[in-house]
Amino acid sequence: MVQSVRSRTVLTLYTTADDIQCHRARLVLAAKGVSYERVLVDPAKPPEDLIDLNPYASTPTLIDRDLTLFDTAVVCEYLDERYPHPPLMPIDPQSRARLRVAAVRIEKDWLPEVDTIRAGGRPVEAARKRLREQLLSTLPLFKASKFFLNPEMSLADCLVAPVIWRLPWLGVDLGREGKPIIDYGERLFHSQGFARSMTDQEKVMRQLHEQE
């Protein structure tokens, strides 16, 4: 089965249905307008071919002919270089480094709080409060430019936007103070690329919230 995956001429992305890091990779692919085969994975029961291809059986995992890539940042930067138009990273090294550091901060500060909220239980409210505070502390970055730390859409937006999309579903309300962040999200959510990037499970996240 692994051989059949490697022999495909189209990109293959192993992805879970509602994970932020997987959504990040799918958003990069959508921004590039690249056709690919999407293989949905149950994290509790990863398929045998994924286990053979990736020693961690993690998602997202990208297959490009005989190349197998995992770790979300590696996948996203490869796609940006493999399909250079439109570019999703600035040209100058300082700006590129600044965006990479911002992505690391989000992964270390925001995403663990998202995981805690999703796990449920007593720590949820404290995690919601911490995530809200962390987001509001970045308000100057959302006010400074049309996109996150950059005048054009970048790889950083491909991580930030999936987090903002999930806020109502996670029960995180930024209030009036957070309007610049909400406005930023709405600009991206109405793009065709963002719509293409989502799974059915992600599409209903806001619908379920609005029905409550």
Protein backbone atom coordinates (compact mmCIF):
# COMPACT_ATOMS: atom_id res chain seq x y z
CA MET A 1 0.00 0.00 0.00
CA VAL A 2 2.92 2.32 0.69
CA GLN A 3 4.14 1.80 -2.86
CA SER A 4 0.79 2.86 -4.26
CA VAL A 5 0.96 6.08 -2.24
CA ARG A 6 4.48 6.87 -3.38
CA SER A 7 3.66 6.20 -7.03
CA ARG A 8 0.93 8.84 -7.14
CA THR A 9 1.68 11.92 -9.21
CA VAL A 10 -0.65 14.13 -7.14
CA LEU A 11 0.24 15.43 -3.71
CA THR A 12 -1.24 13.48 -0.83
CA LEU A 13 -1.93 15.04 2.57
CA TYR A 14 -2.74 12.91 5.59
CA THR A 15 -4.79 15.13 7.86
CA THR A 16 -7.15 14.92 10.78
CA ALA A 17 -10.56 16.53 10.42
CA ASP A 18 -10.40 19.31 13.01
CA ASP A 19 -6.79 19.84 14.11
CA ILE A 20 -5.34 23.35 13.89
CA GLN A 21 -1.95 22.22 12.59
CA CYS A 22 -3.61 20.16 9.85
CA HIS A 23 -5.85 23.10 8.99
CA ARG A 24 -2.70 25.21 8.75
CA ALA A 25 -1.22 22.92 6.10
CA ARG A 26 -4.51 22.74 4.20
CA LEU A 27 -4.74 26.52 4.19
CA VAL A 28 -1.28 26.78 2.64
CA LEU A 29 -2.32 24.34 -0.08
CA ALA A 30 -5.52 26.30 -0.69
CA ALA A 31 -3.66 29.62 -0.85
CA LYS A 32 -1.36 28.12 -3.46
CA GLY A 33 -4.28 26.69 -5.45
CA VAL A 34 -2.62 23.28 -5.48
CA SER A 35 -4.63 20.14 -6.21
CA TYR A 36 -4.03 17.30 -3.79
CA GLU A 37 -5.59 14.19 -2.36
CA ARG A 38 -6.84 14.62 1.18
CA VAL A 39 -6.70 11.50 3.37
CA LEU A 40 -8.61 11.94 6.62
CA VAL A 41 -7.01 10.18 9.56
CA ASP A 42 -8.49 9.05 12.86
CA PRO A 43 -5.68 9.90 15.34
CA ALA A 44 -6.69 6.96 17.51
CA LYS A 45 -6.37 4.54 14.58
CA PRO A 46 -3.81 5.81 12.06
CA PRO A 47 -3.76 3.80 8.83
CA GLU A 48 -0.97 1.32 8.22
CA ASP A 49 0.42 3.21 5.24
CA LEU A 50 0.82 6.36 7.35
CA ILE A 51 2.61 4.37 10.05
CA ASP A 52 4.97 3.00 7.40
CA LEU A 53 5.60 6.40 5.86
CA ASN A 54 5.99 8.44 9.04
CA PRO A 55 7.64 6.91 12.13
CA TYR A 56 5.46 9.11 14.36
CA ALA A 57 2.22 8.51 12.40
CA SER A 58 1.58 12.21 12.96
CA THR A 59 -0.52 14.60 10.94
CA PRO A 60 -0.16 16.53 8.80
CA THR A 61 2.02 14.28 6.68
CA LEU A 62 2.68 15.29 3.08
CA ILE A 63 3.62 12.87 0.30
CA ASP A 64 5.10 14.33 -2.87
CA ARG A 65 6.01 11.34 -5.06
CA ASP A 66 9.00 9.75 -3.29
CA LEU A 67 9.26 12.48 -0.65
CA THR A 68 7.58 12.16 2.75
CA LEU A 69 7.39 15.21 5.02
CA PHE A 70 6.06 15.69 8.53
CA ASP A 71 6.21 18.43 11.17
CA THR A 72 3.84 21.20 10.17
CA ALA A 73 6.43 23.95 9.74
CA VAL A 74 8.51 21.71 7.47
CA VAL A 75 5.44 20.84 5.38
CA CYS A 76 4.33 24.47 5.04
CA GLU A 77 7.73 25.88 4.16
CA TYR A 78 8.28 23.12 1.61
CA LEU A 79 4.96 23.94 -0.06
CA ASP A 80 5.83 27.63 -0.15
CA GLU A 81 9.13 26.88 -1.89
CA ARG A 82 7.75 24.11 -4.11
CA TYR A 83 4.92 26.34 -5.36
CA PRO A 84 6.38 29.87 -5.23
CA HIS A 85 3.26 31.75 -6.35
CA PRO A 86 1.83 33.45 -4.47
CA PRO A 87 4.76 33.70 -2.04
CA LEU A 88 3.76 33.25 1.60
CA MET A 89 6.98 34.50 3.15
CA PRO A 90 8.61 37.93 2.82
CA ILE A 91 11.87 38.28 0.94
CA ASP A 92 14.11 39.79 3.62
CA PRO A 93 15.65 37.50 6.28
CA GLN A 94 14.60 39.65 9.25
CA SER A 95 10.92 39.58 8.32
CA ARG A 96 11.05 35.85 7.64
CA ALA A 97 12.70 35.22 11.00
CA ARG A 98 10.13 37.42 12.75
CA LEU A 99 7.28 35.37 11.28
CA ARG A 100 8.95 32.09 12.22
CA VAL A 101 9.41 33.24 15.82
CA ALA A 102 5.77 34.35 15.95
CA ALA A 103 4.67 30.89 14.78
CA VAL A 104 6.78 29.25 17.48
CA ARG A 105 5.21 31.49 20.13
CA ILE A 106 1.72 30.60 18.93
CA GLU A 107 2.54 26.89 19.00
CA LYS A 108 3.94 27.13 22.52
CA ASP A 109 1.48 29.64 24.01
CA TRP A 110 -1.88 29.36 22.21
CA LEU A 111 -2.15 25.78 21.03
CA PRO A 112 -1.63 24.12 24.44
CA GLU A 113 -4.55 26.21 25.77
CA VAL A 114 -6.69 25.07 22.83
CA ASP A 115 -5.80 21.45 23.66
CA THR A 116 -6.72 21.99 27.32
CA ILE A 117 -10.10 23.48 26.39
CA ARG A 118 -10.85 20.62 24.02
CA ALA A 119 -9.96 18.05 26.67
CA GLY A 120 -12.69 19.42 28.94
CA GLY A 121 -12.92 19.24 32.71
CA ARG A 122 -12.01 21.68 35.46
CA PRO A 123 -9.04 23.38 33.74
CA VAL A 124 -11.19 24.62 30.84
CA GLU A 125 -12.23 28.02 32.19
CA ALA A 126 -8.71 28.92 33.25
CA ALA A 127 -7.41 27.91 29.81
CA ARG A 128 -10.08 30.04 28.11
CA LYS A 129 -9.05 33.03 30.21
CA ARG A 130 -5.36 32.52 29.44
CA LEU A 131 -6.00 32.13 25.71
CA ARG A 132 -8.15 35.26 25.67
CA GLU A 133 -5.46 37.25 27.48
CA GLN A 134 -2.74 36.00 25.14
CA LEU A 135 -4.76 36.93 22.07
CA LEU A 136 -5.60 40.39 23.38
CA SER A 137 -1.94 41.00 24.22
CA THR A 138 -1.20 40.72 20.48
CA LEU A 139 -3.71 43.42 19.49
CA PRO A 140 -0.98 45.84 18.32
CA LEU A 141 0.16 43.23 15.79
CA PHE A 142 -3.34 42.94 14.33
CA LYS A 143 -3.72 46.72 14.20
CA ALA A 144 -0.34 47.33 12.57
CA SER A 145 -1.02 45.60 9.26
CA LYS A 146 -3.76 44.06 7.15
CA PHE A 147 -2.30 40.63 7.85
CA PHE A 148 -0.38 39.21 10.80
CA LEU A 149 3.01 40.95 10.96
CA ASN A 150 3.01 41.41 7.21
CA PRO A 151 1.27 43.54 4.55
CA GLU A 152 0.52 40.39 2.54
CA MET A 153 -0.81 37.00 3.58
CA SER A 154 1.96 34.78 4.93
CA LEU A 155 2.55 31.38 6.47
CA ALA A 156 1.89 32.99 9.85
CA ASP A 157 -1.69 33.76 8.82
CA CYS A 158 -2.15 30.11 7.90
CA LEU A 159 -1.62 29.31 11.59
CA VAL A 160 -3.37 32.31 13.14
CA ALA A 161 -6.59 32.12 11.09
CA PRO A 162 -7.52 28.53 12.09
CA VAL A 163 -7.18 29.55 15.75
CA ILE A 164 -9.43 32.60 15.30
CA TRP A 165 -11.98 30.49 13.40
CA ARG A 166 -12.31 28.15 16.38
CA LEU A 167 -12.73 30.79 19.11
CA PRO A 168 -16.56 30.70 19.33
CA TRP A 169 -16.47 26.90 19.25
CA LEU A 170 -13.92 26.95 22.08
CA GLY A 171 -16.05 29.35 24.09
CA VAL A 172 -13.53 32.20 23.93
CA ASP A 173 -15.13 35.63 23.61
CA LEU A 174 -12.76 38.51 22.87
CA GLY A 175 -15.46 41.15 23.44
CA ARG A 176 -15.38 44.63 21.95
CA GLU A 177 -11.72 44.98 22.82
CA GLY A 178 -10.87 42.18 20.45
CA LYS A 179 -12.66 43.65 17.41
CA PRO A 180 -9.42 44.12 15.38
CA ILE A 181 -8.74 40.38 15.76
CA ILE A 182 -12.29 39.46 14.78
CA ASP A 183 -12.15 41.81 11.78
CA TYR A 184 -8.85 40.24 10.73
CA GLY A 185 -10.42 36.81 10.89
CA GLU A 186 -13.45 37.83 8.87
CA ARG A 187 -11.26 39.15 6.06
CA LEU A 188 -9.63 35.74 5.74
CA PHE A 189 -12.73 33.63 6.37
CA HIS A 190 -14.53 35.11 3.37
CA SER A 191 -11.77 34.17 0.97
CA GLN A 192 -12.22 31.24 -1.38
CA GLY A 193 -8.96 29.76 -0.16
CA PHE A 194 -10.12 29.57 3.44
CA ALA A 195 -13.36 27.88 2.42
CA ARG A 196 -11.43 25.30 0.39
CA SER A 197 -9.10 24.58 3.28
CA MET A 198 -11.80 23.38 5.66
CA THR A 199 -13.16 19.92 6.33
CA ASP A 200 -16.86 19.36 6.90
CA GLN A 201 -16.21 19.17 10.64
CA GLU A 202 -14.53 22.57 10.63
CA LYS A 203 -17.26 24.16 8.54
CA VAL A 204 -19.93 23.30 11.11
CA MET A 205 -17.97 24.65 14.09
CA ARG A 206 -19.47 28.13 13.79
CA GLN A 207 -22.86 26.84 12.70
CA LEU A 208 -23.13 24.81 15.88
CA HIS A 209 -22.14 27.84 17.95
CA GLU A 210 -24.70 30.07 16.23
CA GLN A 211 -27.45 27.53 16.87
CA GLU A 212 -26.80 27.49 20.63
